[in-house]
Amino acid sequence: MPEHVGDPALDRLGRLREKASALPPLASGLRSLAATAVYAVKTAARRSKMRRDMLTLSDDQLRDVGLSRDAALREAERIAWRGDWT
C-alpha cells in the first residue's frame, strides 16, 4: 500500500490541482466577457459620433439619406442606454 494514501496534505494538493484545472476555461471566459464589453462600448461611442455628425449635414444631404432636420435632431438627442430605439 502506498504511503500517501490517506495523507491529508496530499489529498488537499489533489483537490487544489482539480480546482486549478478549471482556471484556464475561467480565464478564457473572462477575456471573452471583457472583449464583449469593450466591443459594446466602442460600438456605442461610434453610434453616438454618427448621430452627432448628422447635425453637421445640410438639409439637402439629410434629404439624400431620407431624413428631415427634425428627425436628425431627435436622433442626435437620443439617449443610447435608455433603450428608446424605434
N, C-alpha and C. Protein backbone atom coordinates (compact mmCIF):
# COMPACT_ATOMS: atom_id res chain seq x y z
N MET A 1 0.85 -1.18 0.00
CA MET A 1 0.00 0.00 0.00
C MET A 1 0.89 1.24 0.00
N PRO A 2 0.65 2.24 -0.90
CA PRO A 2 1.47 3.44 -0.95
C PRO A 2 1.36 4.24 0.34
N GLU A 3 2.44 4.95 0.67
CA GLU A 3 2.48 5.71 1.92
C GLU A 3 1.53 6.90 1.92
N HIS A 4 1.25 7.48 0.74
CA HIS A 4 0.47 8.72 0.71
C HIS A 4 -1.03 8.51 0.82
N VAL A 5 -1.50 7.30 0.80
CA VAL A 5 -2.94 7.06 0.89
C VAL A 5 -3.42 7.53 2.25
N GLY A 6 -4.40 8.39 2.24
CA GLY A 6 -4.97 8.91 3.47
C GLY A 6 -4.21 10.10 4.02
N ASP A 7 -3.16 10.53 3.35
CA ASP A 7 -2.38 11.69 3.80
C ASP A 7 -3.18 12.95 3.49
N PRO A 8 -3.60 13.69 4.52
CA PRO A 8 -4.44 14.89 4.30
C PRO A 8 -3.76 15.94 3.43
N ALA A 9 -2.45 16.10 3.58
CA ALA A 9 -1.76 17.11 2.78
C ALA A 9 -1.80 16.76 1.30
N LEU A 10 -1.60 15.51 0.97
CA LEU A 10 -1.65 15.09 -0.44
C LEU A 10 -3.07 15.12 -0.98
N ASP A 11 -4.05 14.80 -0.13
CA ASP A 11 -5.45 14.91 -0.57
C ASP A 11 -5.80 16.36 -0.90
N ARG A 12 -5.33 17.27 -0.04
CA ARG A 12 -5.57 18.70 -0.27
C ARG A 12 -4.90 19.15 -1.57
N LEU A 13 -3.68 18.67 -1.79
CA LEU A 13 -2.96 19.00 -3.02
C LEU A 13 -3.72 18.50 -4.25
N GLY A 14 -4.28 17.31 -4.17
CA GLY A 14 -5.06 16.78 -5.28
C GLY A 14 -6.29 17.63 -5.57
N ARG A 15 -6.96 18.08 -4.50
CA ARG A 15 -8.14 18.95 -4.69
C ARG A 15 -7.73 20.29 -5.30
N LEU A 16 -6.59 20.82 -4.87
CA LEU A 16 -6.11 22.08 -5.43
C LEU A 16 -5.80 21.94 -6.91
N ARG A 17 -5.22 20.82 -7.29
CA ARG A 17 -4.93 20.59 -8.72
C ARG A 17 -6.21 20.53 -9.53
N GLU A 18 -7.25 19.90 -8.98
CA GLU A 18 -8.54 19.84 -9.68
C GLU A 18 -9.12 21.24 -9.86
N LYS A 19 -9.03 22.06 -8.82
CA LYS A 19 -9.54 23.43 -8.92
C LYS A 19 -8.73 24.24 -9.92
N ALA A 20 -7.41 24.04 -9.89
CA ALA A 20 -6.54 24.79 -10.79
C ALA A 20 -6.82 24.43 -12.25
N SER A 21 -7.25 23.22 -12.49
CA SER A 21 -7.54 22.82 -13.87
C SER A 21 -8.75 23.57 -14.43
N ALA A 22 -9.58 24.12 -13.55
CA ALA A 22 -10.75 24.88 -14.00
C ALA A 22 -10.38 26.33 -14.35
N LEU A 23 -9.19 26.78 -13.98
CA LEU A 23 -8.82 28.18 -14.20
C LEU A 23 -8.67 28.56 -15.68
N PRO A 24 -8.05 27.76 -16.54
CA PRO A 24 -7.94 28.19 -17.94
C PRO A 24 -9.29 28.48 -18.59
N PRO A 25 -10.31 27.62 -18.43
CA PRO A 25 -11.60 27.98 -19.04
C PRO A 25 -12.20 29.24 -18.41
N LEU A 26 -11.99 29.44 -17.12
CA LEU A 26 -12.50 30.63 -16.46
C LEU A 26 -11.80 31.87 -17.00
N ALA A 27 -10.48 31.80 -17.14
CA ALA A 27 -9.73 32.93 -17.68
C ALA A 27 -10.17 33.24 -19.11
N SER A 28 -10.38 32.21 -19.88
CA SER A 28 -10.84 32.40 -21.26
C SER A 28 -12.21 33.07 -21.28
N GLY A 29 -13.08 32.64 -20.41
CA GLY A 29 -14.42 33.23 -20.32
C GLY A 29 -14.37 34.69 -19.91
N LEU A 30 -13.48 35.02 -18.96
CA LEU A 30 -13.35 36.41 -18.53
C LEU A 30 -12.78 37.28 -19.65
N ARG A 31 -11.83 36.74 -20.39
CA ARG A 31 -11.29 37.50 -21.54
C ARG A 31 -12.39 37.75 -22.56
N SER A 32 -13.20 36.75 -22.81
CA SER A 32 -14.29 36.90 -23.76
C SER A 32 -15.30 37.94 -23.29
N LEU A 33 -15.61 37.91 -22.00
CA LEU A 33 -16.54 38.88 -21.43
C LEU A 33 -15.98 40.29 -21.54
N ALA A 34 -14.69 40.44 -21.24
CA ALA A 34 -14.05 41.76 -21.34
C ALA A 34 -14.05 42.24 -22.79
N ALA A 35 -13.75 41.36 -23.72
CA ALA A 35 -13.74 41.73 -25.14
C ALA A 35 -15.13 42.16 -25.59
N THR A 36 -16.15 41.47 -25.12
CA THR A 36 -17.52 41.83 -25.48
C THR A 36 -17.89 43.19 -24.92
N ALA A 37 -17.47 43.46 -23.69
CA ALA A 37 -17.76 44.76 -23.07
C ALA A 37 -17.06 45.88 -23.83
N VAL A 38 -15.80 45.68 -24.20
CA VAL A 38 -15.06 46.69 -24.96
C VAL A 38 -15.74 46.93 -26.30
N TYR A 39 -16.15 45.86 -26.97
CA TYR A 39 -16.84 45.99 -28.26
C TYR A 39 -18.14 46.80 -28.10
N ALA A 40 -18.89 46.53 -27.05
CA ALA A 40 -20.15 47.24 -26.83
C ALA A 40 -19.92 48.73 -26.59
N VAL A 41 -18.90 49.06 -25.80
CA VAL A 41 -18.60 50.46 -25.53
C VAL A 41 -18.14 51.17 -26.81
N LYS A 42 -17.27 50.52 -27.58
CA LYS A 42 -16.80 51.13 -28.83
C LYS A 42 -17.95 51.32 -29.81
N THR A 43 -18.85 50.35 -29.89
CA THR A 43 -19.99 50.45 -30.79
C THR A 43 -20.90 51.61 -30.38
N ALA A 44 -21.16 51.73 -29.07
CA ALA A 44 -22.00 52.83 -28.59
C ALA A 44 -21.35 54.18 -28.89
N ALA A 45 -20.04 54.27 -28.71
CA ALA A 45 -19.34 55.53 -28.98
C ALA A 45 -19.40 55.87 -30.47
N ARG A 46 -19.23 54.85 -31.31
CA ARG A 46 -19.28 55.07 -32.76
C ARG A 46 -20.68 55.54 -33.19
N ARG A 47 -21.71 54.92 -32.64
CA ARG A 47 -23.08 55.33 -32.99
C ARG A 47 -23.36 56.74 -32.52
N SER A 48 -22.88 57.07 -31.31
CA SER A 48 -23.08 58.41 -30.79
C SER A 48 -22.41 59.45 -31.68
N LYS A 49 -21.20 59.16 -32.15
CA LYS A 49 -20.49 60.08 -33.04
C LYS A 49 -21.24 60.23 -34.36
N MET A 50 -21.77 59.14 -34.88
CA MET A 50 -22.52 59.21 -36.14
C MET A 50 -23.75 60.10 -35.97
N ARG A 51 -24.41 59.99 -34.82
CA ARG A 51 -25.59 60.82 -34.58
C ARG A 51 -25.20 62.31 -34.50
N ARG A 52 -24.10 62.60 -33.81
CA ARG A 52 -23.64 63.99 -33.74
C ARG A 52 -23.24 64.51 -35.11
N ASP A 53 -22.60 63.65 -35.90
CA ASP A 53 -22.17 64.04 -37.25
C ASP A 53 -23.36 64.37 -38.15
N MET A 54 -24.50 63.77 -37.89
CA MET A 54 -25.69 64.07 -38.70
C MET A 54 -26.07 65.54 -38.59
N LEU A 55 -25.77 66.14 -37.44
CA LEU A 55 -26.13 67.54 -37.24
C LEU A 55 -25.32 68.48 -38.13
N THR A 56 -24.19 68.02 -38.64
CA THR A 56 -23.36 68.86 -39.50
C THR A 56 -23.79 68.79 -40.96
N LEU A 57 -24.69 67.88 -41.28
CA LEU A 57 -25.14 67.73 -42.67
C LEU A 57 -26.12 68.85 -43.03
N SER A 58 -26.08 69.24 -44.29
CA SER A 58 -27.04 70.25 -44.77
C SER A 58 -28.41 69.58 -44.95
N ASP A 59 -29.42 70.41 -45.12
CA ASP A 59 -30.77 69.87 -45.33
C ASP A 59 -30.83 69.01 -46.59
N ASP A 60 -30.10 69.43 -47.63
CA ASP A 60 -30.07 68.65 -48.87
C ASP A 60 -29.41 67.28 -48.64
N GLN A 61 -28.32 67.27 -47.87
CA GLN A 61 -27.65 66.00 -47.58
C GLN A 61 -28.54 65.09 -46.74
N LEU A 62 -29.24 65.67 -45.77
CA LEU A 62 -30.16 64.87 -44.96
C LEU A 62 -31.28 64.29 -45.83
N ARG A 63 -31.78 65.11 -46.74
CA ARG A 63 -32.85 64.65 -47.63
C ARG A 63 -32.33 63.49 -48.50
N ASP A 64 -31.06 63.56 -48.90
CA ASP A 64 -30.46 62.49 -49.71
C ASP A 64 -30.45 61.15 -48.98
N VAL A 65 -30.30 61.20 -47.66
CA VAL A 65 -30.29 59.94 -46.89
C VAL A 65 -31.66 59.62 -46.30
N GLY A 66 -32.66 60.44 -46.66
CA GLY A 66 -34.02 60.15 -46.26
C GLY A 66 -34.40 60.63 -44.87
N LEU A 67 -33.75 61.70 -44.40
CA LEU A 67 -34.06 62.24 -43.08
C LEU A 67 -34.43 63.71 -43.18
N SER A 68 -35.28 64.13 -42.27
CA SER A 68 -35.58 65.55 -42.15
C SER A 68 -34.66 66.12 -41.06
N ARG A 69 -34.59 67.44 -40.97
CA ARG A 69 -33.78 68.08 -39.93
C ARG A 69 -34.31 67.68 -38.54
N ASP A 70 -35.64 67.63 -38.39
CA ASP A 70 -36.23 67.25 -37.10
C ASP A 70 -35.86 65.82 -36.72
N ALA A 71 -35.89 64.91 -37.69
CA ALA A 71 -35.53 63.52 -37.41
C ALA A 71 -34.06 63.42 -37.00
N ALA A 72 -33.20 64.19 -37.65
CA ALA A 72 -31.78 64.18 -37.31
C ALA A 72 -31.57 64.73 -35.90
N LEU A 73 -32.30 65.77 -35.53
CA LEU A 73 -32.19 66.33 -34.18
C LEU A 73 -32.66 65.32 -33.14
N ARG A 74 -33.80 64.68 -33.40
CA ARG A 74 -34.30 63.65 -32.46
C ARG A 74 -33.28 62.53 -32.30
N GLU A 75 -32.70 62.11 -33.40
CA GLU A 75 -31.72 61.02 -33.37
C GLU A 75 -30.48 61.43 -32.59
N ALA A 76 -30.02 62.66 -32.78
CA ALA A 76 -28.81 63.14 -32.09
C ALA A 76 -29.03 63.27 -30.59
N GLU A 77 -30.26 63.58 -30.18
CA GLU A 77 -30.56 63.76 -28.76
C GLU A 77 -30.89 62.46 -28.04
N ARG A 78 -31.02 61.39 -28.79
CA ARG A 78 -31.42 60.11 -28.21
C ARG A 78 -30.40 59.62 -27.20
N ILE A 79 -30.88 59.07 -26.11
CA ILE A 79 -30.00 58.52 -25.06
C ILE A 79 -29.90 57.02 -25.30
N ALA A 80 -28.70 56.55 -25.58
CA ALA A 80 -28.49 55.17 -26.02
C ALA A 80 -28.89 54.15 -24.96
N TRP A 81 -28.57 54.39 -23.71
CA TRP A 81 -28.80 53.36 -22.71
C TRP A 81 -30.24 53.30 -22.23
N ARG A 82 -31.09 54.25 -22.66
CA ARG A 82 -32.49 54.19 -22.29
C ARG A 82 -33.25 53.14 -23.06
N GLY A 83 -32.75 52.76 -24.21
CA GLY A 83 -33.42 51.75 -25.00
C GLY A 83 -34.63 52.27 -25.74
N ASP A 84 -34.63 53.56 -26.08
CA ASP A 84 -35.77 54.13 -26.80
C ASP A 84 -35.61 53.97 -28.31
N TRP A 85 -35.17 52.79 -28.71
CA TRP A 85 -34.96 52.51 -30.13
C TRP A 85 -36.29 52.31 -30.81
N THR A 86 -36.46 52.97 -31.93
CA THR A 86 -37.71 52.79 -32.68
C THR A 86 -37.42 52.48 -34.12
